[in-house]
Each structure stands twice: as C-alpha cells, then as structure tokens.
Amino acid sequence: MRDEPDPPRKFYQLKPKEFEAVNPPANLPPVDSTPTTVRGHLRAANDGPLPLRRPPAATENDVHALLRDNHARANAAGLNAVAPHAPRRSRRKRDYWLLLLPINAFFGFVAFGPFRNPMTLAYGIGGMIVFTLGLTWVMWFVMDDY
C-alpha cells in the first residue's frame, strides 16, 4: 500500500495594508519650502483679534430667580440648618474583650486542662500568644473606630 503524498506546503503572510494614508510622509519636504523662523511663528500666532481678558458676566435669567426662590424656601423650612451630632461611642474595646476572653479561655483549657501533656501545653500557650498579638494588631492598629 502506497502512502499518499504530502499536500503542497502552505505559505502564510500578513495581509496587505488596507488603510488610506491621509497625511503625506514625514520625509517629504513641506509644500511651502521657505524656512520657518520663530518670528514667523509669533507673527502667525498674534494675527487676529486679541482675546478678552475675562469673559463677560452672566446675565440674570429665570433659572437664577428659581434657584434663589428654592433656596429661600429651604432656609424657611430649616433644611439648611445643620447641627453637629455627638460622636458615637466606639464598640472596639467591647468587641476586643468579647473575642479575647473566650478564645484565650479555650487555648488555656487546651494548655492546662485535664488532657495536659507537653504538646498541648506548647500549642495552647502558642495559640494564646499568636491570637492575642494578632487580635491586638488588627483591632487597635489596622481597624479604625466603628
């Protein structure tokens, strides 16, 4: 049985450009071949009317009158009177102790409880240290008052 010959090799290449060049290439000389100077640029920039120093003031219109009327009504209703509120007490200290005491009690039970051995003593004391340091860091240095 004869093997079939390999198909002819395919050649792949990029497609030709399909966009239109609008600007002339940069290496061509400009249409006006006279050399440019700084004075010529300044003269071209300063030709024409001088810009106004400031824009004209806005004239009063119906919108300004409506906004003034709305503001007067809000002031009369007391909507713009703002009184500062007393700061709320932080719950951070309460939450710190509510987390610290039971979890350290658990680690203390593991370390000094009825099933005490050197490994549970090390794990219990280590857990108390790691948890206390981590909770203190998070509650007092990472978190803000809430």
N, C-alpha and C. Protein backbone atom coordinates (compact mmCIF):
# COMPACT_ATOMS: atom_id res chain seq x y z
N MET A 1 0.83 -1.17 0.00
CA MET A 1 0.00 0.00 0.00
C MET A 1 0.88 1.25 0.00
N ARG A 2 0.58 2.12 -0.92
CA ARG A 2 1.40 3.31 -1.04
C ARG A 2 0.83 4.42 -0.18
N ASP A 3 1.75 5.16 0.47
CA ASP A 3 1.31 6.34 1.21
C ASP A 3 1.00 7.46 0.24
N GLU A 4 -0.01 8.21 0.61
CA GLU A 4 -0.37 9.34 -0.24
C GLU A 4 0.68 10.43 -0.07
N PRO A 5 0.98 11.18 -1.12
CA PRO A 5 2.00 12.23 -0.99
C PRO A 5 1.48 13.38 -0.10
N ASP A 6 2.43 14.01 0.51
CA ASP A 6 2.06 15.14 1.37
C ASP A 6 1.45 16.25 0.53
N PRO A 7 0.48 16.97 1.11
CA PRO A 7 -0.09 18.09 0.34
C PRO A 7 0.96 19.19 0.18
N PRO A 8 0.79 20.04 -0.81
CA PRO A 8 1.79 21.11 -1.01
C PRO A 8 1.82 22.05 0.20
N ARG A 9 2.99 22.59 0.45
CA ARG A 9 3.19 23.45 1.61
C ARG A 9 2.42 24.75 1.44
N LYS A 10 1.81 25.24 2.55
CA LYS A 10 1.09 26.50 2.52
C LYS A 10 2.01 27.60 3.03
N PHE A 11 1.96 28.73 2.37
CA PHE A 11 2.76 29.87 2.77
C PHE A 11 1.83 30.90 3.40
N TYR A 12 2.14 31.29 4.62
CA TYR A 12 1.34 32.27 5.34
C TYR A 12 2.09 33.59 5.39
N GLN A 13 1.34 34.69 5.25
CA GLN A 13 1.94 36.01 5.35
C GLN A 13 0.86 36.99 5.81
N LEU A 14 1.31 38.16 6.21
CA LEU A 14 0.37 39.18 6.66
C LEU A 14 -0.40 39.74 5.47
N LYS A 15 -1.61 40.21 5.77
CA LYS A 15 -2.43 40.81 4.72
C LYS A 15 -1.83 42.15 4.31
N PRO A 16 -2.08 42.58 3.11
CA PRO A 16 -1.59 43.91 2.71
C PRO A 16 -2.35 44.99 3.46
N LYS A 17 -1.74 46.17 3.56
CA LYS A 17 -2.36 47.28 4.26
C LYS A 17 -3.66 47.64 3.56
N GLU A 18 -4.69 47.91 4.36
CA GLU A 18 -5.97 48.26 3.78
C GLU A 18 -6.43 49.64 4.23
N PHE A 19 -5.52 50.49 4.68
CA PHE A 19 -5.93 51.82 5.08
C PHE A 19 -5.34 52.85 4.14
N GLU A 20 -5.98 53.99 4.12
CA GLU A 20 -5.58 55.04 3.21
C GLU A 20 -4.70 56.03 3.96
N ALA A 21 -3.57 56.38 3.40
CA ALA A 21 -2.68 57.35 4.00
C ALA A 21 -3.22 58.75 3.72
N VAL A 22 -3.59 59.46 4.75
CA VAL A 22 -4.17 60.79 4.59
C VAL A 22 -3.08 61.85 4.60
N ASN A 23 -2.15 61.75 5.54
CA ASN A 23 -1.07 62.72 5.64
C ASN A 23 0.09 62.30 4.76
N PRO A 24 0.80 63.27 4.21
CA PRO A 24 1.97 62.90 3.40
C PRO A 24 3.06 62.35 4.31
N PRO A 25 3.93 61.55 3.79
CA PRO A 25 5.02 61.02 4.61
C PRO A 25 5.88 62.14 5.18
N ALA A 26 6.50 61.89 6.32
CA ALA A 26 7.26 62.92 7.01
C ALA A 26 8.57 63.25 6.30
N ASN A 27 9.07 62.36 5.50
CA ASN A 27 10.36 62.63 4.87
C ASN A 27 10.24 63.50 3.62
N LEU A 28 9.02 63.82 3.18
CA LEU A 28 8.85 64.71 2.04
C LEU A 28 8.97 66.16 2.50
N PRO A 29 9.52 67.04 1.66
CA PRO A 29 9.61 68.44 2.07
C PRO A 29 8.22 69.07 2.12
N PRO A 30 8.01 70.08 2.98
CA PRO A 30 6.69 70.72 3.05
C PRO A 30 6.36 71.41 1.73
N VAL A 31 5.08 71.67 1.53
CA VAL A 31 4.64 72.29 0.29
C VAL A 31 5.26 73.68 0.17
N ASP A 32 5.24 74.45 1.26
CA ASP A 32 5.91 75.75 1.28
C ASP A 32 7.33 75.50 1.75
N SER A 33 8.27 75.58 0.85
CA SER A 33 9.63 75.19 1.20
C SER A 33 10.44 76.31 1.83
N THR A 34 9.81 77.45 2.15
CA THR A 34 10.56 78.51 2.81
C THR A 34 10.85 78.10 4.24
N PRO A 35 12.01 78.42 4.76
CA PRO A 35 12.33 78.01 6.14
C PRO A 35 11.46 78.75 7.15
N THR A 36 11.14 78.08 8.21
CA THR A 36 10.33 78.68 9.26
C THR A 36 11.24 79.29 10.31
N THR A 37 10.75 80.37 10.92
CA THR A 37 11.51 81.03 11.97
C THR A 37 10.61 81.26 13.16
N VAL A 38 11.23 81.55 14.29
CA VAL A 38 10.45 81.81 15.49
C VAL A 38 9.63 83.07 15.31
N ARG A 39 10.19 84.08 14.69
CA ARG A 39 9.44 85.33 14.49
C ARG A 39 8.24 85.10 13.58
N GLY A 40 8.39 84.24 12.61
CA GLY A 40 7.25 83.92 11.75
C GLY A 40 6.14 83.22 12.54
N HIS A 41 6.52 82.32 13.44
CA HIS A 41 5.52 81.64 14.27
C HIS A 41 4.83 82.63 15.20
N LEU A 42 5.60 83.56 15.79
CA LEU A 42 5.00 84.56 16.67
C LEU A 42 4.06 85.47 15.90
N ARG A 43 4.44 85.88 14.72
CA ARG A 43 3.59 86.75 13.91
C ARG A 43 2.30 86.02 13.54
N ALA A 44 2.39 84.73 13.19
CA ALA A 44 1.19 83.97 12.83
C ALA A 44 0.29 83.75 14.05
N ALA A 45 0.91 83.58 15.21
CA ALA A 45 0.11 83.35 16.41
C ALA A 45 -0.59 84.61 16.88
N ASN A 46 0.01 85.78 16.67
CA ASN A 46 -0.57 87.03 17.16
C ASN A 46 -1.48 87.69 16.15
N ASP A 47 -1.60 87.20 14.94
CA ASP A 47 -2.53 87.78 13.99
C ASP A 47 -3.95 87.47 14.43
N GLY A 48 -4.86 88.38 14.19
CA GLY A 48 -6.25 88.18 14.53
C GLY A 48 -6.63 89.00 15.75
N PRO A 49 -7.88 88.87 16.18
CA PRO A 49 -8.34 89.69 17.30
C PRO A 49 -7.70 89.25 18.61
N LEU A 50 -7.53 90.20 19.50
CA LEU A 50 -6.96 89.89 20.81
C LEU A 50 -8.00 89.18 21.67
N PRO A 51 -7.59 88.20 22.44
CA PRO A 51 -8.57 87.53 23.31
C PRO A 51 -8.99 88.47 24.44
N LEU A 52 -10.21 88.29 24.90
CA LEU A 52 -10.72 89.09 26.01
C LEU A 52 -9.99 88.72 27.29
N ARG A 53 -9.82 89.68 28.17
CA ARG A 53 -9.16 89.41 29.43
C ARG A 53 -10.00 88.51 30.32
N ARG A 54 -11.28 88.80 30.44
CA ARG A 54 -12.18 87.92 31.20
C ARG A 54 -13.49 87.78 30.44
N PRO A 55 -14.15 86.70 30.64
CA PRO A 55 -15.43 86.52 29.94
C PRO A 55 -16.46 87.49 30.50
N PRO A 56 -17.43 87.86 29.70
CA PRO A 56 -18.46 88.77 30.21
C PRO A 56 -19.25 88.10 31.33
N ALA A 57 -19.75 88.96 32.25
CA ALA A 57 -20.51 88.43 33.39
C ALA A 57 -21.84 87.87 32.90
N ALA A 58 -22.26 86.79 33.55
CA ALA A 58 -23.52 86.16 33.18
C ALA A 58 -24.68 87.07 33.57
N THR A 59 -25.62 87.16 32.70
CA THR A 59 -26.78 88.00 32.99
C THR A 59 -27.78 87.19 33.79
N GLU A 60 -28.55 87.87 34.60
CA GLU A 60 -29.58 87.21 35.40
C GLU A 60 -30.65 86.67 34.46
N ASN A 61 -31.15 85.47 34.77
CA ASN A 61 -32.24 84.91 33.98
C ASN A 61 -33.21 84.20 34.90
N ASP A 62 -34.19 83.52 34.33
CA ASP A 62 -35.24 82.87 35.13
C ASP A 62 -34.69 81.77 36.01
N VAL A 63 -33.64 81.09 35.58
CA VAL A 63 -33.08 79.99 36.37
C VAL A 63 -32.52 80.52 37.69
N HIS A 64 -31.81 81.66 37.63
CA HIS A 64 -31.27 82.24 38.85
C HIS A 64 -32.39 82.61 39.82
N ALA A 65 -33.47 83.17 39.30
CA ALA A 65 -34.60 83.54 40.16
C ALA A 65 -35.22 82.30 40.79
N LEU A 66 -35.38 81.21 40.02
CA LEU A 66 -35.94 79.97 40.57
C LEU A 66 -35.03 79.37 41.64
N LEU A 67 -33.73 79.38 41.40
CA LEU A 67 -32.80 78.83 42.39
C LEU A 67 -32.81 79.66 43.67
N ARG A 68 -32.87 81.00 43.54
CA ARG A 68 -32.94 81.85 44.72
C ARG A 68 -34.21 81.58 45.51
N ASP A 69 -35.33 81.38 44.80
CA ASP A 69 -36.61 81.10 45.46
C ASP A 69 -36.56 79.74 46.17
N ASN A 70 -35.98 78.73 45.52
CA ASN A 70 -35.86 77.40 46.16
C ASN A 70 -34.98 77.46 47.40
N HIS A 71 -33.90 78.23 47.33
CA HIS A 71 -33.01 78.36 48.48
C HIS A 71 -33.70 79.07 49.65
N ALA A 72 -34.49 80.10 49.33
CA ALA A 72 -35.23 80.80 50.39
C ALA A 72 -36.26 79.87 51.04
N ARG A 73 -36.93 79.06 50.25
CA ARG A 73 -37.92 78.11 50.82
C ARG A 73 -37.24 77.06 51.68
N ALA A 74 -36.07 76.56 51.25
CA ALA A 74 -35.36 75.56 52.04
C ALA A 74 -34.87 76.16 53.35
N ASN A 75 -34.40 77.42 53.31
CA ASN A 75 -33.99 78.08 54.56
C ASN A 75 -35.18 78.27 55.49
N ALA A 76 -36.34 78.65 54.95
CA ALA A 76 -37.54 78.85 55.78
C ALA A 76 -38.01 77.54 56.40
N ALA A 77 -37.84 76.43 55.69
CA ALA A 77 -38.25 75.12 56.21
C ALA A 77 -37.21 74.54 57.16
N GLY A 78 -36.03 75.15 57.24
CA GLY A 78 -34.99 74.67 58.14
C GLY A 78 -34.18 73.52 57.58
N LEU A 79 -34.24 73.33 56.25
CA LEU A 79 -33.50 72.21 55.66
C LEU A 79 -32.00 72.47 55.60
N ASN A 80 -31.58 73.71 55.62
CA ASN A 80 -30.17 74.03 55.53
C ASN A 80 -29.52 74.21 56.89
N ALA A 81 -30.29 74.11 57.96
CA ALA A 81 -29.73 74.23 59.31
C ALA A 81 -29.16 72.88 59.71
N VAL A 82 -27.86 72.83 59.88
CA VAL A 82 -27.19 71.57 60.21
C VAL A 82 -26.62 71.68 61.61
N ALA A 83 -26.97 70.71 62.45
CA ALA A 83 -26.44 70.68 63.81
C ALA A 83 -25.47 69.51 63.93
N PRO A 84 -24.33 69.70 64.54
CA PRO A 84 -23.39 68.58 64.68
C PRO A 84 -23.93 67.55 65.66
N HIS A 85 -23.74 66.30 65.31
CA HIS A 85 -24.17 65.21 66.17
C HIS A 85 -23.05 64.86 67.14
N ALA A 86 -23.44 64.38 68.32
CA ALA A 86 -22.44 63.93 69.29
C ALA A 86 -21.79 62.65 68.76
N PRO A 87 -20.49 62.51 68.90
CA PRO A 87 -19.84 61.31 68.39
C PRO A 87 -20.31 60.06 69.13
N ARG A 88 -20.50 59.00 68.40
CA ARG A 88 -20.96 57.75 68.98
C ARG A 88 -19.81 57.04 69.67
N ARG A 89 -20.10 56.37 70.76
CA ARG A 89 -19.06 55.62 71.47
C ARG A 89 -18.59 54.45 70.63
N SER A 90 -17.31 54.22 70.66
CA SER A 90 -16.73 53.14 69.88
C SER A 90 -17.03 51.80 70.55
N ARG A 91 -17.33 50.80 69.73
CA ARG A 91 -17.58 49.44 70.24
C ARG A 91 -16.32 48.59 70.14
N ARG A 92 -15.22 49.20 69.80
CA ARG A 92 -13.99 48.44 69.57
C ARG A 92 -13.49 47.76 70.83
N LYS A 93 -13.48 48.47 71.96
CA LYS A 93 -12.97 47.89 73.20
C LYS A 93 -13.84 46.72 73.66
N ARG A 94 -15.16 46.89 73.57
CA ARG A 94 -16.07 45.80 73.96
C ARG A 94 -15.85 44.57 73.09
N ASP A 95 -15.77 44.76 71.77
CA ASP A 95 -15.57 43.63 70.87
C ASP A 95 -14.21 42.97 71.09
N TYR A 96 -13.20 43.77 71.42
CA TYR A 96 -11.87 43.22 71.69
C TYR A 96 -11.93 42.25 72.86
N TRP A 97 -12.55 42.67 73.96
CA TRP A 97 -12.60 41.79 75.14
C TRP A 97 -13.54 40.61 74.92
N LEU A 98 -14.63 40.82 74.15
CA LEU A 98 -15.55 39.71 73.88
C LEU A 98 -14.91 38.64 73.01
N LEU A 99 -13.94 39.00 72.20
CA LEU A 99 -13.22 38.00 71.42
C LEU A 99 -12.03 37.41 72.19
N LEU A 100 -11.32 38.27 72.90
CA LEU A 100 -10.08 37.84 73.55
C LEU A 100 -10.34 36.84 74.68
N LEU A 101 -11.31 37.12 75.53
CA LEU A 101 -11.51 36.26 76.71
C LEU A 101 -11.94 34.84 76.35
N PRO A 102 -12.99 34.62 75.57
CA PRO A 102 -13.37 33.22 75.30
C PRO A 102 -12.33 32.43 74.51
N ILE A 103 -11.68 33.06 73.55
CA ILE A 103 -10.71 32.31 72.74
C ILE A 103 -9.47 31.99 73.57
N ASN A 104 -9.03 32.94 74.40
CA ASN A 104 -7.89 32.63 75.27
C ASN A 104 -8.28 31.62 76.33
N ALA A 105 -9.54 31.62 76.76
CA ALA A 105 -10.00 30.59 77.70
C ALA A 105 -9.94 29.21 77.04
N PHE A 106 -10.32 29.13 75.76
CA PHE A 106 -10.23 27.86 75.04
C PHE A 106 -8.78 27.38 74.98
N PHE A 107 -7.85 28.29 74.57
CA PHE A 107 -6.45 27.90 74.49
C PHE A 107 -5.89 27.57 75.88
N GLY A 108 -6.35 28.27 76.91
CA GLY A 108 -5.93 27.95 78.27
C GLY A 108 -6.41 26.57 78.69
N PHE A 109 -7.64 26.21 78.28
CA PHE A 109 -8.15 24.87 78.59
C PHE A 109 -7.33 23.81 77.87
N VAL A 110 -6.94 24.09 76.62
CA VAL A 110 -6.11 23.13 75.88
C VAL A 110 -4.75 23.00 76.57
N ALA A 111 -4.18 24.12 77.02
CA ALA A 111 -2.83 24.08 77.59
C ALA A 111 -2.82 23.48 78.99
N PHE A 112 -3.79 23.85 79.83
CA PHE A 112 -3.73 23.45 81.25
C PHE A 112 -4.89 22.56 81.66
N GLY A 113 -5.64 22.04 80.71
CA GLY A 113 -6.81 21.23 81.02
C GLY A 113 -6.47 19.82 81.46
N PRO A 114 -7.51 18.96 81.52
CA PRO A 114 -7.31 17.61 82.03
C PRO A 114 -6.48 16.72 81.10
N PHE A 115 -6.36 17.07 79.83
CA PHE A 115 -5.59 16.24 78.89
C PHE A 115 -4.22 16.86 78.65
N ARG A 116 -3.64 17.39 79.66
CA ARG A 116 -2.40 18.14 79.56
C ARG A 116 -1.22 17.22 79.28
N ASN A 117 -0.43 17.61 78.30
CA ASN A 117 0.85 16.98 78.01
C ASN A 117 1.74 18.06 77.41
N PRO A 118 3.00 17.79 77.19
CA PRO A 118 3.89 18.85 76.70
C PRO A 118 3.45 19.45 75.37
N MET A 119 2.88 18.67 74.48
CA MET A 119 2.46 19.20 73.18
C MET A 119 1.26 20.12 73.32
N THR A 120 0.24 19.70 74.08
CA THR A 120 -0.93 20.57 74.24
C THR A 120 -0.56 21.83 75.02
N LEU A 121 0.39 21.72 75.95
CA LEU A 121 0.85 22.90 76.67
C LEU A 121 1.51 23.88 75.69
N ALA A 122 2.37 23.39 74.81
CA ALA A 122 3.04 24.26 73.83
C ALA A 122 2.04 24.86 72.84
N TYR A 123 1.12 24.02 72.34
CA TYR A 123 0.13 24.51 71.39
C TYR A 123 -0.81 25.51 72.04
N GLY A 124 -1.23 25.26 73.24
CA GLY A 124 -2.15 26.16 73.93
C GLY A 124 -1.52 27.52 74.22
N ILE A 125 -0.31 27.51 74.75
CA ILE A 125 0.37 28.78 75.04
C ILE A 125 0.70 29.52 73.73
N GLY A 126 1.14 28.76 72.74
CA GLY A 126 1.41 29.38 71.43
C GLY A 126 0.16 29.99 70.81
N GLY A 127 -0.96 29.28 70.91
CA GLY A 127 -2.23 29.80 70.38
C GLY A 127 -2.65 31.07 71.10
N MET A 128 -2.46 31.08 72.44
CA MET A 128 -2.82 32.28 73.20
C MET A 128 -1.96 33.46 72.76
N ILE A 129 -0.68 33.23 72.59
CA ILE A 129 0.22 34.33 72.20
C ILE A 129 -0.10 34.83 70.79
N VAL A 130 -0.23 33.91 69.84
CA VAL A 130 -0.49 34.31 68.46
C VAL A 130 -1.83 35.01 68.35
N PHE A 131 -2.87 34.46 68.98
CA PHE A 131 -4.18 35.07 68.87
C PHE A 131 -4.22 36.44 69.54
N THR A 132 -3.62 36.56 70.72
CA THR A 132 -3.63 37.85 71.42
C THR A 132 -2.89 38.91 70.61
N LEU A 133 -1.71 38.57 70.10
CA LEU A 133 -0.96 39.54 69.30
C LEU A 133 -1.70 39.89 68.00
N GLY A 134 -2.25 38.91 67.33
CA GLY A 134 -2.97 39.16 66.08
C GLY A 134 -4.22 39.99 66.29
N LEU A 135 -5.00 39.65 67.31
CA LEU A 135 -6.21 40.41 67.58
C LEU A 135 -5.88 41.84 68.00
N THR A 136 -4.86 42.00 68.82
CA THR A 136 -4.47 43.35 69.24
C THR A 136 -4.02 44.16 68.03
N TRP A 137 -3.24 43.58 67.17
CA TRP A 137 -2.77 44.29 65.98
C TRP A 137 -3.94 44.70 65.09
N VAL A 138 -4.85 43.77 64.85
CA VAL A 138 -5.96 44.07 63.95
C VAL A 138 -6.90 45.09 64.57
N MET A 139 -7.27 44.92 65.84
CA MET A 139 -8.28 45.80 66.45
C MET A 139 -7.74 47.20 66.72
N TRP A 140 -6.49 47.35 67.10
CA TRP A 140 -6.01 48.66 67.53
C TRP A 140 -5.11 49.36 66.52
N PHE A 141 -4.53 48.63 65.57
CA PHE A 141 -3.61 49.27 64.63
C PHE A 141 -4.11 49.25 63.19
N VAL A 142 -4.89 48.25 62.82
CA VAL A 142 -5.37 48.14 61.45
C VAL A 142 -6.74 48.79 61.29
N MET A 143 -7.67 48.42 62.19
CA MET A 143 -9.04 48.93 62.09
C MET A 143 -9.16 50.32 62.65
N ASP A 144 -10.17 51.02 62.17
CA ASP A 144 -10.50 52.35 62.67
C ASP A 144 -11.65 52.21 63.65
N ASP A 145 -11.95 53.30 64.35
CA ASP A 145 -13.11 53.26 65.26
C ASP A 145 -14.37 52.96 64.49
N TYR A 146 -15.24 52.21 65.10
CA TYR A 146 -16.55 51.93 64.49
C TYR A 146 -17.61 51.96 65.54
